PDB file of all heavy atoms in Angstrom:
ATOM      1  N   LEU A   1       0.832  -1.212   0.000  1.00  0.00           N
ATOM      2  CA  LEU A   1       0.000  -0.001   0.000  1.00  0.00           C
ATOM      3  C   LEU A   1       0.864   1.258   0.000  1.00  0.00           C
ATOM      4  O   LEU A   1       0.553   2.237  -0.694  1.00  0.00           O
ATOM      5  CB  LEU A   1      -0.931   0.002   1.219  1.00  0.00           C
ATOM      6  CG  LEU A   1      -2.167  -0.899   1.117  1.00  0.00           C
ATOM      7  CD1 LEU A   1      -2.911  -0.941   2.445  1.00  0.00           C
ATOM      8  CD2 LEU A   1      -3.101  -0.422  -0.004  1.00  0.00           C
ATOM      9  N   LEU A   2       1.937   1.244   0.771  1.00  0.00           N
ATOM     10  CA  LEU A   2       2.845   2.402   0.793  1.00  0.00           C
ATOM     11  C   LEU A   2       3.402   2.684  -0.602  1.00  0.00           C
ATOM     12  O   LEU A   2       3.539   3.836  -1.015  1.00  0.00           O
ATOM     13  CB  LEU A   2       3.990   2.149   1.770  1.00  0.00           C
ATOM     14  CG  LEU A   2       3.641   2.205   3.263  1.00  0.00           C
ATOM     15  CD1 LEU A   2       4.808   1.716   4.107  1.00  0.00           C
ATOM     16  CD2 LEU A   2       3.266   3.633   3.672  1.00  0.00           C
ATOM     17  N   GLN A   3       3.717   1.616  -1.327  1.00  0.00           N
ATOM     18  CA  GLN A   3       4.260   1.792  -2.679  1.00  0.00           C
ATOM     19  C   GLN A   3       3.185   2.236  -3.665  1.00  0.00           C
ATOM     20  O   GLN A   3       3.445   3.064  -4.543  1.00  0.00           O
ATOM     21  CB  GLN A   3       4.903   0.484  -3.143  1.00  0.00           C
ATOM     22  CG  GLN A   3       6.125   0.102  -2.318  1.00  0.00           C
ATOM     23  CD  GLN A   3       6.737  -1.215  -2.730  1.00  0.00           C
ATOM     24  OE1 GLN A   3       7.190  -1.365  -3.858  1.00  0.00           O
ATOM     25  NE2 GLN A   3       6.753  -2.185  -1.818  1.00  0.00           N
ATOM     26  N   LEU A   4       1.983   1.684  -3.517  1.00  0.00           N
ATOM     27  CA  LEU A   4       0.883   2.091  -4.403  1.00  0.00           C
ATOM     28  C   LEU A   4       0.523   3.557  -4.200  1.00  0.00           C
ATOM     29  O   LEU A   4       0.212   4.280  -5.162  1.00  0.00           O
ATOM     30  CB  LEU A   4      -0.351   1.209  -4.144  1.00  0.00           C
ATOM     31  CG  LEU A   4      -0.274  -0.238  -4.647  1.00  0.00           C
ATOM     32  CD1 LEU A   4      -1.460  -1.036  -4.131  1.00  0.00           C
ATOM     33  CD2 LEU A   4      -0.229  -0.281  -6.174  1.00  0.00           C
ATOM     34  N   GLN A   5       0.586   4.004  -2.953  1.00  0.00           N
ATOM     35  CA  GLN A   5       0.222   5.399  -2.652  1.00  0.00           C
ATOM     36  C   GLN A   5       1.244   6.397  -3.164  1.00  0.00           C
ATOM     37  O   GLN A   5       0.954   7.585  -3.271  1.00  0.00           O
ATOM     38  CB  GLN A   5       0.046   5.557  -1.138  1.00  0.00           C
ATOM     39  CG  GLN A   5      -1.180   4.841  -0.589  1.00  0.00           C
ATOM     40  CD  GLN A   5      -1.138   4.627   0.911  1.00  0.00           C
ATOM     41  OE1 GLN A   5      -0.214   5.084   1.589  1.00  0.00           O
ATOM     42  NE2 GLN A   5      -2.124   3.921   1.445  1.00  0.00           N
ATOM     43  N   GLU A   6       2.443   5.927  -3.508  1.00  0.00           N
ATOM     44  CA  GLU A   6       3.487   6.810  -4.017  1.00  0.00           C
ATOM     45  C   GLU A   6       3.589   6.808  -5.535  1.00  0.00           C
ATOM     46  O   GLU A   6       4.447   7.482  -6.100  1.00  0.00           O
ATOM     47  CB  GLU A   6       4.840   6.410  -3.420  1.00  0.00           C
ATOM     48  CG  GLU A   6       4.992   6.726  -1.942  1.00  0.00           C
ATOM     49  CD  GLU A   6       4.956   8.210  -1.646  1.00  0.00           C
ATOM     50  OE1 GLU A   6       5.518   8.990  -2.461  1.00  0.00           O
ATOM     51  OE2 GLU A   6       4.372   8.609  -0.626  1.00  0.00           O
ATOM     52  N   LEU A   7       2.720   6.029  -6.209  1.00  0.00           N
ATOM     53  CA  LEU A   7       2.754   5.988  -7.673  1.00  0.00           C
ATOM     54  C   LEU A   7       2.333   7.342  -8.248  1.00  0.00           C
ATOM     55  O   LEU A   7       1.456   8.018  -7.694  1.00  0.00           O
ATOM     56  CB  LEU A   7       1.816   4.895  -8.197  1.00  0.00           C
ATOM     57  CG  LEU A   7       2.226   3.444  -7.917  1.00  0.00           C
ATOM     58  CD1 LEU A   7       1.151   2.492  -8.429  1.00  0.00           C
ATOM     59  CD2 LEU A   7       3.565   3.132  -8.567  1.00  0.00           C
ATOM     60  N   PRO A   8       2.951   7.773  -9.353  1.00  0.00           N
ATOM     61  CA  PRO A   8       2.571   9.050  -9.976  1.00  0.00           C
ATOM     62  C   PRO A   8       1.081   9.104 -10.304  1.00  0.00           C
ATOM     63  O   PRO A   8       0.435  10.139 -10.119  1.00  0.00           O
ATOM     64  CB  PRO A   8       3.429   9.068 -11.250  1.00  0.00           C
ATOM     65  CG  PRO A   8       4.582   8.171 -10.947  1.00  0.00           C
ATOM     66  CD  PRO A   8       4.035   7.108 -10.073  1.00  0.00           C
ATOM     67  N   ALA A   9       0.549   7.988 -10.804  1.00  0.00           N
ATOM     68  CA  ALA A   9      -0.894   7.893 -11.086  1.00  0.00           C
ATOM     69  C   ALA A   9      -1.460   6.823 -10.163  1.00  0.00           C
ATOM     70  O   ALA A   9      -1.302   5.624 -10.416  1.00  0.00           O
ATOM     71  CB  ALA A   9      -1.129   7.541 -12.550  1.00  0.00           C
ATOM     72  N   ARG A  10      -2.105   7.248  -9.094  1.00  0.00           N
ATOM     73  CA  ARG A  10      -2.601   6.294  -8.111  1.00  0.00           C
ATOM     74  C   ARG A  10      -3.729   5.453  -8.688  1.00  0.00           C
ATOM     75  O   ARG A  10      -4.552   5.934  -9.482  1.00  0.00           O
ATOM     76  CB  ARG A  10      -3.065   7.009  -6.843  1.00  0.00           C
ATOM     77  CG  ARG A  10      -1.898   7.586  -6.062  1.00  0.00           C
ATOM     78  CD  ARG A  10      -2.326   8.219  -4.762  1.00  0.00           C
ATOM     79  NE  ARG A  10      -2.939   7.274  -3.835  1.00  0.00           N
ATOM     80  CZ  ARG A  10      -3.239   7.571  -2.572  1.00  0.00           C
ATOM     81  NH1 ARG A  10      -2.957   8.794  -2.093  1.00  0.00           N
ATOM     82  NH2 ARG A  10      -3.801   6.680  -1.789  1.00  0.00           N
ATOM     83  N   ASP A  11      -3.754   4.195  -8.313  1.00  0.00           N
ATOM     84  CA  ASP A  11      -4.763   3.239  -8.786  1.00  0.00           C
ATOM     85  C   ASP A  11      -5.624   2.844  -7.587  1.00  0.00           C
ATOM     86  O   ASP A  11      -5.233   2.020  -6.765  1.00  0.00           O
ATOM     87  CB  ASP A  11      -4.064   2.006  -9.378  1.00  0.00           C
ATOM     88  CG  ASP A  11      -5.018   1.074 -10.093  1.00  0.00           C
ATOM     89  OD1 ASP A  11      -6.151   0.899  -9.611  1.00  0.00           O
ATOM     90  OD2 ASP A  11      -4.622   0.483 -11.120  1.00  0.00           O
ATOM     91  N   SER A  12      -6.802   3.452  -7.496  1.00  0.00           N
ATOM     92  CA  SER A  12      -7.671   3.221  -6.337  1.00  0.00           C
ATOM     93  C   SER A  12      -8.141   1.774  -6.271  1.00  0.00           C
ATOM     94  O   SER A  12      -8.264   1.208  -5.177  1.00  0.00           O
ATOM     95  CB  SER A  12      -8.881   4.161  -6.385  1.00  0.00           C
ATOM     96  OG  SER A  12      -9.616   3.979  -7.601  1.00  0.00           O
ATOM     97  N   LEU A  13      -8.377   1.145  -7.426  1.00  0.00           N
ATOM     98  CA  LEU A  13      -8.824  -0.258  -7.434  1.00  0.00           C
ATOM     99  C   LEU A  13      -7.729  -1.158  -6.863  1.00  0.00           C
ATOM    100  O   LEU A  13      -8.008  -2.050  -6.055  1.00  0.00           O
ATOM    101  CB  LEU A  13      -9.189  -0.689  -8.851  1.00  0.00           C
ATOM    102  CG  LEU A  13      -9.610  -2.162  -9.006  1.00  0.00           C
ATOM    103  CD1 LEU A  13     -10.824  -2.478  -8.135  1.00  0.00           C
ATOM    104  CD2 LEU A  13      -9.890  -2.498 -10.469  1.00  0.00           C
ATOM    105  N   ALA A  14      -6.503  -0.919  -7.262  1.00  0.00           N
ATOM    106  CA  ALA A  14      -5.390  -1.727  -6.757  1.00  0.00           C
ATOM    107  C   ALA A  14      -5.258  -1.560  -5.245  1.00  0.00           C
ATOM    108  O   ALA A  14      -5.007  -2.531  -4.522  1.00  0.00           O
ATOM    109  CB  ALA A  14      -4.093  -1.329  -7.451  1.00  0.00           C
ATOM    110  N   GLU A  15      -5.436  -0.341  -4.754  1.00  0.00           N
ATOM    111  CA  GLU A  15      -5.330  -0.098  -3.315  1.00  0.00           C
ATOM    112  C   GLU A  15      -6.444  -0.817  -2.550  1.00  0.00           C
ATOM    113  O   GLU A  15      -6.217  -1.345  -1.454  1.00  0.00           O
ATOM    114  CB  GLU A  15      -5.374   1.405  -3.042  1.00  0.00           C
ATOM    115  CG  GLU A  15      -4.123   2.133  -3.545  1.00  0.00           C
ATOM    116  CD  GLU A  15      -4.172   3.642  -3.282  1.00  0.00           C
ATOM    117  OE1 GLU A  15      -4.900   4.051  -2.344  1.00  0.00           O
ATOM    118  OE2 GLU A  15      -3.506   4.398  -4.004  1.00  0.00           O
ATOM    119  N   ILE A  16      -7.637  -0.856  -3.136  1.00  0.00           N
ATOM    120  CA  ILE A  16      -8.755  -1.567  -2.492  1.00  0.00           C
ATOM    121  C   ILE A  16      -8.480  -3.070  -2.456  1.00  0.00           C
ATOM    122  O   ILE A  16      -8.671  -3.731  -1.432  1.00  0.00           O
ATOM    123  CB  ILE A  16     -10.074  -1.282  -3.235  1.00  0.00           C
ATOM    124  CG1 ILE A  16     -10.486   0.182  -3.043  1.00  0.00           C
ATOM    125  CG2 ILE A  16     -11.183  -2.209  -2.744  1.00  0.00           C
ATOM    126  CD1 ILE A  16     -11.679   0.605  -3.898  1.00  0.00           C
ATOM    127  N   VAL A  17      -8.016  -3.604  -3.581  1.00  0.00           N
ATOM    128  CA  VAL A  17      -7.743  -5.054  -3.656  1.00  0.00           C
ATOM    129  C   VAL A  17      -6.654  -5.445  -2.671  1.00  0.00           C
ATOM    130  O   VAL A  17      -6.786  -6.434  -1.946  1.00  0.00           O
ATOM    131  CB  VAL A  17      -7.351  -5.456  -5.099  1.00  0.00           C
ATOM    132  CG1 VAL A  17      -6.873  -6.907  -5.128  1.00  0.00           C
ATOM    133  CG2 VAL A  17      -8.533  -5.275  -6.045  1.00  0.00           C
ATOM    134  N   VAL A  18      -5.557  -4.664  -2.617  1.00  0.00           N
ATOM    135  CA  VAL A  18      -4.468  -4.974  -1.682  1.00  0.00           C
ATOM    136  C   VAL A  18      -4.940  -4.819  -0.240  1.00  0.00           C
ATOM    137  O   VAL A  18      -4.627  -5.629   0.627  1.00  0.00           O
ATOM    138  CB  VAL A  18      -3.253  -4.073  -1.956  1.00  0.00           C
ATOM    139  CG1 VAL A  18      -2.218  -4.214  -0.841  1.00  0.00           C
ATOM    140  CG2 VAL A  18      -2.625  -4.430  -3.292  1.00  0.00           C
ATOM    141  N   GLY A  19      -5.726  -3.784   0.011  1.00  0.00           N
ATOM    142  CA  GLY A  19      -6.174  -3.514   1.365  1.00  0.00           C
ATOM    143  C   GLY A  19      -7.169  -4.530   1.902  1.00  0.00           C
ATOM    144  O   GLY A  19      -7.168  -4.829   3.098  1.00  0.00           O
ATOM    145  N   GLU A  20      -8.003  -5.104   1.024  1.00  0.00           N
ATOM    146  CA  GLU A  20      -9.085  -5.962   1.497  1.00  0.00           C
ATOM    147  C   GLU A  20      -9.084  -7.380   0.922  1.00  0.00           C
ATOM    148  O   GLU A  20      -9.695  -8.281   1.511  1.00  0.00           O
ATOM    149  CB  GLU A  20     -10.434  -5.301   1.169  1.00  0.00           C
ATOM    150  CG  GLU A  20     -10.596  -3.918   1.788  1.00  0.00           C
ATOM    151  CD  GLU A  20     -11.918  -3.261   1.395  1.00  0.00           C
ATOM    152  OE1 GLU A  20     -12.866  -3.992   1.030  1.00  0.00           O
ATOM    153  OE2 GLU A  20     -11.994  -2.017   1.446  1.00  0.00           O
ATOM    154  N   TYR A  21      -8.406  -7.600  -0.193  1.00  0.00           N
ATOM    155  CA  TYR A  21      -8.507  -8.904  -0.858  1.00  0.00           C
ATOM    156  C   TYR A  21      -7.148  -9.499  -1.221  1.00  0.00           C
ATOM    157  O   TYR A  21      -7.051 -10.303  -2.143  1.00  0.00           O
ATOM    158  CB  TYR A  21      -9.349  -8.775  -2.138  1.00  0.00           C
ATOM    159  CG  TYR A  21     -10.742  -8.264  -1.912  1.00  0.00           C
ATOM    160  CD1 TYR A  21     -11.040  -6.908  -2.067  1.00  0.00           C
ATOM    161  CD2 TYR A  21     -11.765  -9.133  -1.539  1.00  0.00           C
ATOM    162  CE1 TYR A  21     -12.327  -6.432  -1.856  1.00  0.00           C
ATOM    163  CE2 TYR A  21     -13.060  -8.666  -1.336  1.00  0.00           C
ATOM    164  CZ  TYR A  21     -13.332  -7.314  -1.486  1.00  0.00           C
ATOM    165  OH  TYR A  21     -14.616  -6.849  -1.271  1.00  0.00           O
ATOM    166  N   LEU A  22      -6.096  -9.125  -0.495  1.00  0.00           N
ATOM    167  CA  LEU A  22      -4.753  -9.576  -0.870  1.00  0.00           C
ATOM    168  C   LEU A  22      -4.619 -11.095  -0.809  1.00  0.00           C
ATOM    169  O   LEU A  22      -4.016 -11.707  -1.693  1.00  0.00           O
ATOM    170  CB  LEU A  22      -3.712  -8.922   0.046  1.00  0.00           C
ATOM    171  CG  LEU A  22      -2.243  -9.201  -0.307  1.00  0.00           C
ATOM    172  CD1 LEU A  22      -1.932  -8.710  -1.713  1.00  0.00           C
ATOM    173  CD2 LEU A  22      -1.303  -8.539   0.704  1.00  0.00           C
ATOM    174  N   GLU A  23      -5.192 -11.722   0.216  1.00  0.00           N
ATOM    175  CA  GLU A  23      -5.101 -13.180   0.338  1.00  0.00           C
ATOM    176  C   GLU A  23      -5.809 -13.882  -0.814  1.00  0.00           C
ATOM    177  O   GLU A  23      -5.291 -14.853  -1.388  1.00  0.00           O
ATOM    178  CB  GLU A  23      -5.692 -13.651   1.674  1.00  0.00           C
ATOM    179  CG  GLU A  23      -4.866 -13.287   2.890  1.00  0.00           C
ATOM    180  CD  GLU A  23      -5.090 -11.849   3.337  1.00  0.00           C
ATOM    181  OE1 GLU A  23      -5.988 -11.173   2.765  1.00  0.00           O
ATOM    182  OE2 GLU A  23      -4.379 -11.396   4.256  1.00  0.00           O
ATOM    183  N   LEU A  24      -6.993 -13.378  -1.157  1.00  0.00           N
ATOM    184  CA  LEU A  24      -7.740 -13.986  -2.272  1.00  0.00           C
ATOM    185  C   LEU A  24      -6.983 -13.798  -3.586  1.00  0.00           C
ATOM    186  O   LEU A  24      -6.974 -14.691  -4.441  1.00  0.00           O
ATOM    187  CB  LEU A  24      -9.134 -13.353  -2.385  1.00  0.00           C
ATOM    188  CG  LEU A  24     -10.110 -13.655  -1.234  1.00  0.00           C
ATOM    189  CD1 LEU A  24     -11.428 -12.900  -1.459  1.00  0.00           C
ATOM    190  CD2 LEU A  24     -10.375 -15.145  -1.119  1.00  0.00           C
ATOM    191  N   LEU A  25      -6.339 -12.646  -3.748  1.00  0.00           N
ATOM    192  CA  LEU A  25      -5.569 -12.387  -4.967  1.00  0.00           C
ATOM    193  C   LEU A  25      -4.401 -13.359  -5.065  1.00  0.00           C
ATOM    194  O   LEU A  25      -4.134 -13.924  -6.129  1.00  0.00           O
ATOM    195  CB  LEU A  25      -5.064 -10.944  -4.965  1.00  0.00           C
ATOM    196  CG  LEU A  25      -4.380 -10.482  -6.260  1.00  0.00           C
ATOM    197  CD1 LEU A  25      -5.418 -10.293  -7.360  1.00  0.00           C
ATOM    198  CD2 LEU A  25      -3.615  -9.178  -6.038  1.00  0.00           C
ATOM    199  N   ALA A  26      -3.715 -13.581  -3.951  1.00  0.00           N
ATOM    200  CA  ALA A  26      -2.574 -14.494  -3.944  1.00  0.00           C
ATOM    201  C   ALA A  26      -2.999 -15.928  -4.222  1.00  0.00           C
ATOM    202  O   ALA A  26      -2.273 -16.694  -4.854  1.00  0.00           O
ATOM    203  CB  ALA A  26      -1.858 -14.420  -2.592  1.00  0.00           C
TER     204      ALA A  26
END
């Protein structure tokens, strides 16, 4: 999340998936 928040163009969907669905994604 720290790395996603520092991207020049933030991706809100990616932040939601990492924040709430990281285990399911893996």
